N, C-alpha and C. Protein backbone atom coordinates (compact mmCIF):
# COMPACT_ATOMS: atom_id res chain seq x y z
N UNK A 1 -5.41 -4.31 2.13
CA UNK A 1 -6.87 -4.57 1.23
C UNK A 1 -6.43 -4.93 0.04
N UNK A 2 -7.47 -5.56 -0.88
CA UNK A 2 -6.92 -6.21 -2.00
C UNK A 2 -8.44 -6.60 -2.48
N UNK A 3 -8.41 -6.79 -3.75
CA UNK A 3 -9.72 -7.32 -4.63
C UNK A 3 -10.75 -6.35 -5.07
N UNK A 4 -11.12 -5.07 -4.20
CA UNK A 4 -12.14 -4.64 -4.64
C UNK A 4 -11.09 -2.68 -4.75
N UNK A 5 -11.62 -1.99 -5.56
CA UNK A 5 -11.07 -0.49 -5.39
C UNK A 5 -11.73 0.19 -4.16
N UNK A 6 -13.45 -0.17 -4.18
CA UNK A 6 -13.49 0.97 -2.98
C UNK A 6 -13.17 0.86 -1.68
N UNK A 7 -13.12 -0.67 -1.14
CA UNK A 7 -12.67 -1.23 -0.12
C UNK A 7 -10.88 -1.05 -0.06
N UNK A 8 -10.23 -1.26 -0.99
CA UNK A 8 -8.82 -0.48 -0.94
C UNK A 8 -8.66 0.74 -0.44
N UNK A 9 -9.34 2.02 -1.11
CA UNK A 9 -9.19 3.33 -0.64
C UNK A 9 -10.11 3.79 0.29
N UNK A 10 -11.09 3.43 0.46
CA UNK A 10 -11.60 3.50 1.90
C UNK A 10 -11.18 3.08 2.59
N UNK A 11 -10.73 1.49 2.59
CA UNK A 11 -10.09 1.27 3.79
C UNK A 11 -8.45 2.09 4.19
N UNK A 12 -8.14 2.64 2.76
CA UNK A 12 -6.36 3.38 3.43
C UNK A 12 -6.85 4.48 3.73
N UNK A 13 -7.96 5.10 3.38
CA UNK A 13 -8.47 6.58 4.22
C UNK A 13 -8.49 6.57 5.75
N UNK A 14 -9.62 5.37 5.99
CA UNK A 14 -9.79 4.83 7.39
C UNK A 14 -8.48 4.71 8.29
N UNK A 15 -7.88 3.80 7.76
CA UNK A 15 -6.60 3.87 8.44
C UNK A 15 -5.67 4.75 8.64
N UNK A 16 -5.49 5.93 7.46
CA UNK A 16 -4.85 6.98 7.80
C UNK A 16 -5.88 8.07 8.80
N UNK A 17 -6.88 7.98 8.86
CA UNK A 17 -7.96 8.33 9.57
C UNK A 17 -7.48 8.06 11.65
N UNK A 18 -6.89 6.81 11.49
CA UNK A 18 -6.89 6.17 12.83
C UNK A 18 -5.64 5.87 13.22
N UNK A 19 -4.46 6.71 12.64
CA UNK A 19 -3.32 6.93 12.91
C UNK A 19 -2.46 5.82 12.58
N UNK A 20 -2.48 4.61 11.66
CA UNK A 20 -2.13 3.86 11.02
C UNK A 20 -0.41 4.50 10.48
N UNK A 21 0.92 3.81 10.43
CA UNK A 21 1.88 3.76 10.20
C UNK A 21 2.05 4.04 8.56
N UNK A 22 1.03 3.07 7.85
CA UNK A 22 1.19 2.93 6.44
C UNK A 22 0.44 1.74 6.05
N UNK A 23 0.20 1.55 5.10
CA UNK A 23 -0.32 0.37 4.21
C UNK A 23 -0.12 -0.19 3.07
N UNK A 24 0.06 -1.55 3.07
CA UNK A 24 0.75 -2.09 2.24
C UNK A 24 -1.02 -2.83 1.34
N UNK A 25 -0.81 -2.54 -0.11
CA UNK A 25 -2.20 -2.74 -0.68
C UNK A 25 -1.42 -3.52 -1.76
N UNK A 26 -2.59 -4.94 -1.78
CA UNK A 26 -2.04 -5.95 -2.39
C UNK A 26 -2.78 -6.09 -3.74
N UNK A 27 -2.74 -6.29 -4.26
CA UNK A 27 -3.01 -6.36 -5.97
C UNK A 27 -3.01 -7.57 -6.66
N UNK A 28 -3.87 -8.85 -7.22
CA UNK A 28 -3.53 -9.12 -7.82
C UNK A 28 -2.95 -8.59 -9.27
N UNK A 29 -2.29 -9.53 -10.06
CA UNK A 29 -1.50 -8.88 -11.40
C UNK A 29 -2.94 -8.99 -12.25
N UNK A 30 -3.13 -7.91 -13.11
CA UNK A 30 -4.24 -7.85 -14.58
C UNK A 30 -5.64 -7.29 -13.38
N UNK A 31 -5.75 -7.42 -12.32
CA UNK A 31 -7.10 -6.85 -11.61
C UNK A 31 -7.56 -5.37 -11.89
N UNK A 32 -8.36 -5.35 -12.68
CA UNK A 32 -8.35 -3.91 -13.02
C UNK A 32 -9.18 -2.90 -11.77
N UNK A 33 -10.32 -3.11 -10.98
CA UNK A 33 -10.25 -2.55 -9.91
C UNK A 33 -8.83 -2.24 -9.06
N UNK A 34 -7.81 -3.50 -8.58
CA UNK A 34 -6.83 -3.06 -8.27
C UNK A 34 -5.57 -1.99 -9.07
N UNK A 35 -5.74 -1.78 -10.55
CA UNK A 35 -5.31 -1.18 -11.45
C UNK A 35 -6.20 0.25 -11.02
N UNK A 36 -7.07 0.74 -11.04
CA UNK A 36 -8.00 1.89 -10.52
C UNK A 36 -7.58 2.22 -9.14
N UNK A 37 -7.22 1.19 -8.33
CA UNK A 37 -7.49 1.75 -6.69
C UNK A 37 -6.05 2.18 -6.93
N UNK A 38 -5.21 1.41 -7.62
CA UNK A 38 -3.56 2.22 -7.18
C UNK A 38 -3.83 3.80 -7.91
N UNK A 39 -4.11 3.74 -8.95
CA UNK A 39 -3.97 5.21 -9.44
C UNK A 39 -4.64 6.62 -8.21
N UNK A 40 -5.84 5.64 -7.76
CA UNK A 40 -6.42 6.43 -6.57
C UNK A 40 -5.72 7.19 -5.40
N UNK A 41 -4.72 6.02 -5.15
CA UNK A 41 -4.27 5.52 -3.64
C UNK A 41 -2.80 6.53 -4.20
N UNK A 42 -2.27 6.98 -4.99
CA UNK A 42 -1.28 7.59 -5.41
C UNK A 42 -1.65 9.14 -4.77
N UNK A 43 -2.80 9.49 -5.39
CA UNK A 43 -3.13 10.48 -4.62
C UNK A 43 -4.07 10.90 -3.76
N UNK A 44 -4.40 10.22 -2.65
CA UNK A 44 -4.43 9.55 -1.46
C UNK A 44 -3.11 9.46 -0.37
N UNK A 45 -2.18 9.16 -0.79
CA UNK A 45 -1.28 8.95 -0.32
C UNK A 45 -0.50 10.78 -0.32
N UNK A 46 -0.81 11.61 -1.52
CA UNK A 46 -0.08 12.91 -1.47
C UNK A 46 -0.98 13.73 -0.39
N UNK A 47 -2.19 13.43 -0.61
CA UNK A 47 -3.06 14.17 0.40
C UNK A 47 -3.19 13.80 1.69
N UNK A 48 -3.11 12.90 1.98
CA UNK A 48 -3.15 12.07 3.48
C UNK A 48 -1.89 12.12 3.85
N UNK A 49 -0.78 12.01 3.50
CA UNK A 49 0.55 11.76 3.71
C UNK A 49 0.84 10.18 4.22
N UNK A 50 0.08 9.48 3.51
CA UNK A 50 0.03 8.23 4.20
C UNK A 50 1.27 7.52 3.33
N UNK A 51 2.52 6.70 4.09
CA UNK A 51 3.04 5.95 3.05
C UNK A 51 2.34 4.37 3.16
N UNK A 52 2.21 4.24 1.60
CA UNK A 52 1.62 3.08 0.83
C UNK A 52 2.44 2.13 0.03
N UNK A 53 2.61 1.01 -0.08
CA UNK A 53 3.23 0.40 -0.93
C UNK A 53 2.49 -1.14 -1.23
N UNK A 54 2.44 -0.86 -2.67
CA UNK A 54 1.84 -1.64 -3.28
C UNK A 54 2.55 -2.83 -3.75
N UNK A 55 2.25 -3.98 -3.69
CA UNK A 55 2.45 -5.21 -4.15
C UNK A 55 1.59 -5.50 -5.29
N UNK A 56 2.20 -5.99 -6.27
CA UNK A 56 1.31 -6.70 -7.59
C UNK A 56 1.96 -8.02 -7.58
N UNK A 57 0.83 -9.18 -7.50
CA UNK A 57 1.53 -10.62 -7.02
C UNK A 57 0.62 -11.22 -8.61
N UNK A 58 1.23 -12.05 -8.83
CA UNK A 58 1.17 -13.33 -9.62
C UNK A 58 1.94 -15.00 -9.10
N UNK A 59 1.57 -15.93 -10.11
CA UNK A 59 2.51 -16.78 -9.86
C UNK A 59 3.82 -16.76 -10.19
N UNK A 60 4.37 -16.32 -10.28
CA UNK A 60 5.56 -15.56 -10.62
C UNK A 60 6.32 -14.57 -9.76
N UNK A 61 5.60 -14.08 -8.98
CA UNK A 61 6.40 -13.43 -7.79
C UNK A 61 7.53 -14.05 -7.01
N UNK A 62 8.52 -13.54 -6.73
CA UNK A 62 9.31 -14.23 -6.12
C UNK A 62 9.40 -13.82 -4.46
N UNK A 63 9.62 -14.81 -4.00
CA UNK A 63 9.28 -14.22 -2.46
C UNK A 63 10.11 -13.55 -1.76
N UNK A 64 12.04 -13.42 -2.49
CA UNK A 64 13.11 -12.54 -1.91
C UNK A 64 12.53 -11.56 -2.35
N UNK A 65 12.56 -10.99 -3.64
CA UNK A 65 11.60 -9.99 -4.17
C UNK A 65 10.70 -9.28 -3.41
N UNK A 66 9.73 -9.67 -2.31
CA UNK A 66 8.91 -9.32 -1.79
C UNK A 66 9.61 -8.97 -0.20
N UNK A 67 10.04 -9.75 0.18
CA UNK A 67 10.69 -9.50 1.42
C UNK A 67 11.75 -8.27 1.47
N UNK A 68 12.18 -7.93 0.86
CA UNK A 68 13.12 -7.01 0.05
C UNK A 68 12.08 -6.00 0.30
N UNK A 69 11.07 -6.12 -0.60
CA UNK A 69 9.78 -4.92 -0.34
C UNK A 69 9.43 -4.68 0.71
N UNK A 70 9.10 -5.37 1.40
CA UNK A 70 8.57 -4.88 2.84
C UNK A 70 9.75 -4.40 3.88
N UNK A 71 10.50 -5.37 3.55
CA UNK A 71 11.88 -4.52 4.85
C UNK A 71 11.88 -3.30 4.63
N UNK A 72 12.23 -2.82 3.51
CA UNK A 72 12.31 -1.31 2.84
C UNK A 72 11.57 -0.37 3.24
N UNK A 73 10.25 -1.19 3.61
CA UNK A 73 8.74 -0.72 3.82
C UNK A 73 9.29 -0.45 5.15
N UNK A 74 9.24 -1.16 5.64
CA UNK A 74 9.03 -0.78 7.84
C UNK A 74 9.78 -0.40 7.74
N UNK A 75 11.56 -0.06 6.83
CA UNK A 75 12.76 0.79 7.29
C UNK A 75 12.46 2.17 7.47
N UNK A 76 11.69 2.81 6.01
CA UNK A 76 11.05 3.57 6.03
C UNK A 76 9.36 4.52 7.10
N UNK A 77 9.02 3.12 7.35
CA UNK A 77 8.08 3.74 8.55
C UNK A 77 8.36 3.88 9.93
N UNK A 78 9.92 3.25 10.01
CA UNK A 78 10.22 3.40 11.10
C UNK A 78 11.34 4.23 11.56
N UNK A 79 12.03 5.04 10.12
CA UNK A 79 12.51 6.04 9.91
C UNK A 79 11.36 7.23 9.96
N UNK A 80 10.42 7.22 9.31
CA UNK A 80 9.23 8.54 9.86
C UNK A 80 8.66 8.60 11.31
N UNK A 81 8.95 7.48 12.03
CA UNK A 81 8.11 7.34 12.91
C UNK A 81 8.91 8.32 13.71
N UNK A 82 10.54 7.58 13.78
CA UNK A 82 11.51 8.83 14.98
C UNK A 82 11.49 9.99 14.49
N UNK A 83 10.98 10.73 13.06
CA UNK A 83 11.20 12.20 12.26
C UNK A 83 9.59 12.79 12.73
N UNK A 84 8.92 12.09 13.41
CA UNK A 84 7.72 13.01 13.58
C UNK A 84 7.27 12.88 15.18
């Protein structure tokens, strides 16, 4: 999800209820609705127990850093699934 706070937050709640392992929240740098969504998603993450990775992107975002963060998030999801 990305671009609209309501869609980002509502989608994450829905994905959690549908049993998704986690959510990748993509936000454009300086996008006010997504800045608000990130704050709300912190509470959603705690309340619903769903892992959320927020990636804030701009024209200077390095691909290598994104790949590293995504790989670490997938590792976290795999470990979490094994423990459940």
